[in-house]
């Protein structure tokens, strides 16, 4: 990731929402506690990452200069082991199109 930069908090609600999705994406290693990697994954908030198990805080994530995390990950593969749906789903509120050509395997497209 040669063109990545640290994006410092405070973060917008859109950034927090994208970081929450990122933390749940099994294709990407999640942000974890800097004190104990056995703790639950960090939770994004307006003021930065928070460890749900201790007082660890982190005020940055890696993004791109030209738009940050949201721009860099406009289309992401997803694996929903619990969902056997095939087809399209439009999340009007978040402006996200989900496409599942096969059960459990799909794409998340941020429009």
C-alpha atoms as a PDB file:
ATOM      1  CA  UNK A   1       0.000   0.000   0.000  1.00  0.00           C
ATOM      2  CA  UNK A   2       2.466   2.621  -1.149  1.00  0.00           C
ATOM      3  CA  UNK A   3      -0.072   5.420  -1.465  1.00  0.00           C
ATOM      4  CA  UNK A   4      -1.755   4.912   1.921  1.00  0.00           C
ATOM      5  CA  UNK A   5      -1.876   7.595   4.603  1.00  0.00           C
ATOM      6  CA  UNK A   6      -3.075   7.657   8.185  1.00  0.00           C
ATOM      7  CA  UNK A   7      -6.561   9.179   8.414  1.00  0.00           C
ATOM      8  CA  UNK A   8      -6.979  10.639  11.893  1.00  0.00           C
ATOM      9  CA  UNK A   9     -10.194  11.073  13.875  1.00  0.00           C
ATOM     10  CA  UNK A  10     -12.645  12.658  14.294  1.00  0.00           C
ATOM     11  CA  UNK A  11     -14.339  10.605  11.576  1.00  0.00           C
ATOM     12  CA  UNK A  12     -17.584  11.267   9.743  1.00  0.00           C
ATOM     13  CA  UNK A  13     -20.586   8.965  10.255  1.00  0.00           C
ATOM     14  CA  UNK A  14     -19.930   7.597   6.750  1.00  0.00           C
ATOM     15  CA  UNK A  15     -16.332   6.732   7.642  1.00  0.00           C
ATOM     16  CA  UNK A  16     -17.457   5.012  10.858  1.00  0.00           C
ATOM     17  CA  UNK A  17     -20.073   3.017   8.907  1.00  0.00           C
ATOM     18  CA  UNK A  18     -17.472   1.913   6.337  1.00  0.00           C
ATOM     19  CA  UNK A  19     -15.013   0.950   9.061  1.00  0.00           C
ATOM     20  CA  UNK A  20     -17.720  -1.156  10.754  1.00  0.00           C
ATOM     21  CA  UNK A  21     -18.300  -2.988   7.473  1.00  0.00           C
ATOM     22  CA  UNK A  22     -14.536  -3.373   7.053  1.00  0.00           C
ATOM     23  CA  UNK A  23     -14.222  -4.948  10.508  1.00  0.00           C
ATOM     24  CA  UNK A  24     -16.819  -7.555   9.505  1.00  0.00           C
ATOM     25  CA  UNK A  25     -15.219  -8.373   6.147  1.00  0.00           C
ATOM     26  CA  UNK A  26     -13.562 -11.792   6.401  1.00  0.00           C
ATOM     27  CA  UNK A  27     -11.344 -10.944   3.396  1.00  0.00           C
ATOM     28  CA  UNK A  28      -9.499  -8.193   5.359  1.00  0.00           C
ATOM     29  CA  UNK A  29      -7.588  -8.506   8.629  1.00  0.00           C
ATOM     30  CA  UNK A  30      -9.450  -6.440  11.258  1.00  0.00           C
ATOM     31  CA  UNK A  31      -7.988  -3.678  13.408  1.00  0.00           C
ATOM     32  CA  UNK A  32      -7.146  -5.244  16.770  1.00  0.00           C
ATOM     33  CA  UNK A  33      -6.155  -4.128  20.252  1.00  0.00           C
ATOM     34  CA  UNK A  34      -2.606  -2.805  20.563  1.00  0.00           C
ATOM     35  CA  UNK A  35      -2.339  -4.139  24.105  1.00  0.00           C
ATOM     36  CA  UNK A  36      -3.710  -7.658  23.617  1.00  0.00           C
ATOM     37  CA  UNK A  37      -4.446  -9.190  20.205  1.00  0.00           C
ATOM     38  CA  UNK A  38      -6.685 -11.793  21.880  1.00  0.00           C
ATOM     39  CA  UNK A  39      -9.244  -9.076  22.702  1.00  0.00           C
ATOM     40  CA  UNK A  40     -12.307  -8.606  20.516  1.00  0.00           C
ATOM     41  CA  UNK A  41     -11.828  -6.508  17.364  1.00  0.00           C
ATOM     42  CA  UNK A  42     -11.672  -2.735  17.757  1.00  0.00           C
ATOM     43  CA  UNK A  43     -14.908  -0.781  17.357  1.00  0.00           C
ATOM     44  CA  UNK A  44     -14.872   2.394  15.230  1.00  0.00           C
ATOM     45  CA  UNK A  45     -16.374   5.573  16.730  1.00  0.00           C
ATOM     46  CA  UNK A  46     -16.320   9.243  15.755  1.00  0.00           C
ATOM     47  CA  UNK A  47     -13.299   9.722  18.030  1.00  0.00           C
ATOM     48  CA  UNK A  48     -11.354   6.669  16.806  1.00  0.00           C
ATOM     49  CA  UNK A  49     -11.029   2.964  17.518  1.00  0.00           C
ATOM     50  CA  UNK A  50     -12.060   1.601  20.928  1.00  0.00           C
ATOM     51  CA  UNK A  51     -11.189  -1.791  22.378  1.00  0.00           C
ATOM     52  CA  UNK A  52     -14.314  -3.356  23.916  1.00  0.00           C
ATOM     53  CA  UNK A  53     -12.192  -5.257  26.465  1.00  0.00           C
ATOM     54  CA  UNK A  54      -9.796  -2.629  27.833  1.00  0.00           C
ATOM     55  CA  UNK A  55      -8.912   1.079  27.689  1.00  0.00           C
ATOM     56  CA  UNK A  56      -6.906   0.863  24.411  1.00  0.00           C
ATOM     57  CA  UNK A  57      -7.663   3.630  21.881  1.00  0.00           C
ATOM     58  CA  UNK A  58      -6.374   4.308  18.366  1.00  0.00           C
ATOM     59  CA  UNK A  59      -7.115   7.529  16.467  1.00  0.00           C
ATOM     60  CA  UNK A  60      -6.195   6.542  12.892  1.00  0.00           C
ATOM     61  CA  UNK A  61      -6.798   4.051  10.106  1.00  0.00           C
ATOM     62  CA  UNK A  62      -4.942   3.544   6.825  1.00  0.00           C
ATOM     63  CA  UNK A  63      -6.635   5.151   3.839  1.00  0.00           C
ATOM     64  CA  UNK A  64      -5.773   6.651   0.475  1.00  0.00           C
ATOM     65  CA  UNK A  65      -5.012  10.283  -0.187  1.00  0.00           C
ATOM     66  CA  UNK A  66      -7.590  10.360  -2.985  1.00  0.00           C
ATOM     67  CA  UNK A  67     -10.733   9.647  -1.016  1.00  0.00           C
ATOM     68  CA  UNK A  68      -9.806   7.459   1.911  1.00  0.00           C
ATOM     69  CA  UNK A  69     -11.124   4.027   2.742  1.00  0.00           C
ATOM     70  CA  UNK A  70     -14.544   4.521   1.139  1.00  0.00           C
ATOM     71  CA  UNK A  71     -13.081   5.376  -2.283  1.00  0.00           C
ATOM     72  CA  UNK A  72     -10.503   2.583  -2.175  1.00  0.00           C
ATOM     73  CA  UNK A  73     -13.057  -0.100  -1.324  1.00  0.00           C
ATOM     74  CA  UNK A  74     -16.023   0.834  -3.472  1.00  0.00           C
ATOM     75  CA  UNK A  75     -16.394  -2.791  -4.609  1.00  0.00           C
ATOM     76  CA  UNK A  76     -15.590  -5.495  -2.088  1.00  0.00           C
ATOM     77  CA  UNK A  77     -16.073  -9.247  -2.179  1.00  0.00           C
ATOM     78  CA  UNK A  78     -18.190 -10.636   0.641  1.00  0.00           C
ATOM     79  CA  UNK A  79     -18.795 -14.068   2.078  1.00  0.00           C
ATOM     80  CA  UNK A  80     -22.071 -14.474   3.955  1.00  0.00           C
ATOM     81  CA  UNK A  81     -21.951 -18.063   5.202  1.00  0.00           C
ATOM     82  CA  UNK A  82     -25.414 -17.647   6.737  1.00  0.00           C
ATOM     83  CA  UNK A  83     -27.162 -16.444   3.543  1.00  0.00           C
ATOM     84  CA  UNK A  84     -28.260 -18.726   0.695  1.00  0.00           C
ATOM     85  CA  UNK A  85     -29.701 -15.835  -1.362  1.00  0.00           C
ATOM     86  CA  UNK A  86     -28.958 -15.551  -5.110  1.00  0.00           C
ATOM     87  CA  UNK A  87     -29.568 -12.243  -6.878  1.00  0.00           C
ATOM     88  CA  UNK A  88     -29.434  -8.509  -6.198  1.00  0.00           C
ATOM     89  CA  UNK A  89     -30.353  -6.504  -3.105  1.00  0.00           C
ATOM     90  CA  UNK A  90     -30.450  -2.677  -3.101  1.00  0.00           C
ATOM     91  CA  UNK A  91     -29.895  -0.935   0.258  1.00  0.00           C
ATOM     92  CA  UNK A  92     -31.478   2.415  -0.619  1.00  0.00           C
ATOM     93  CA  UNK A  93     -30.538   4.157   2.646  1.00  0.00           C
ATOM     94  CA  UNK A  94     -26.814   3.340   2.407  1.00  0.00           C
ATOM     95  CA  UNK A  95     -26.713   3.313  -1.435  1.00  0.00           C
ATOM     96  CA  UNK A  96     -25.157  -0.137  -1.537  1.00  0.00           C
ATOM     97  CA  UNK A  97     -25.894  -2.809  -4.134  1.00  0.00           C
ATOM     98  CA  UNK A  98     -25.324  -6.399  -3.052  1.00  0.00           C
ATOM     99  CA  UNK A  99     -24.914  -9.002  -5.791  1.00  0.00           C
ATOM    100  CA  UNK A 100     -24.838 -12.727  -4.993  1.00  0.00           C
ATOM    101  CA  UNK A 101     -24.237 -14.825  -8.135  1.00  0.00           C
ATOM    102  CA  UNK A 102     -23.835 -17.904  -5.881  1.00  0.00           C
ATOM    103  CA  UNK A 103     -25.155 -18.696  -2.404  1.00  0.00           C
ATOM    104  CA  UNK A 104     -22.934 -17.123   0.299  1.00  0.00           C
ATOM    105  CA  UNK A 105     -20.498 -15.490  -2.223  1.00  0.00           C
ATOM    106  CA  UNK A 106     -21.099 -11.974  -3.513  1.00  0.00           C
ATOM    107  CA  UNK A 107     -20.039  -8.411  -4.119  1.00  0.00           C
ATOM    108  CA  UNK A 108     -20.817  -5.240  -2.165  1.00  0.00           C
ATOM    109  CA  UNK A 109     -20.899  -2.208  -4.473  1.00  0.00           C
ATOM    110  CA  UNK A 110     -20.997   1.257  -2.894  1.00  0.00           C
ATOM    111  CA  UNK A 111     -22.679   3.700  -5.271  1.00  0.00           C
END
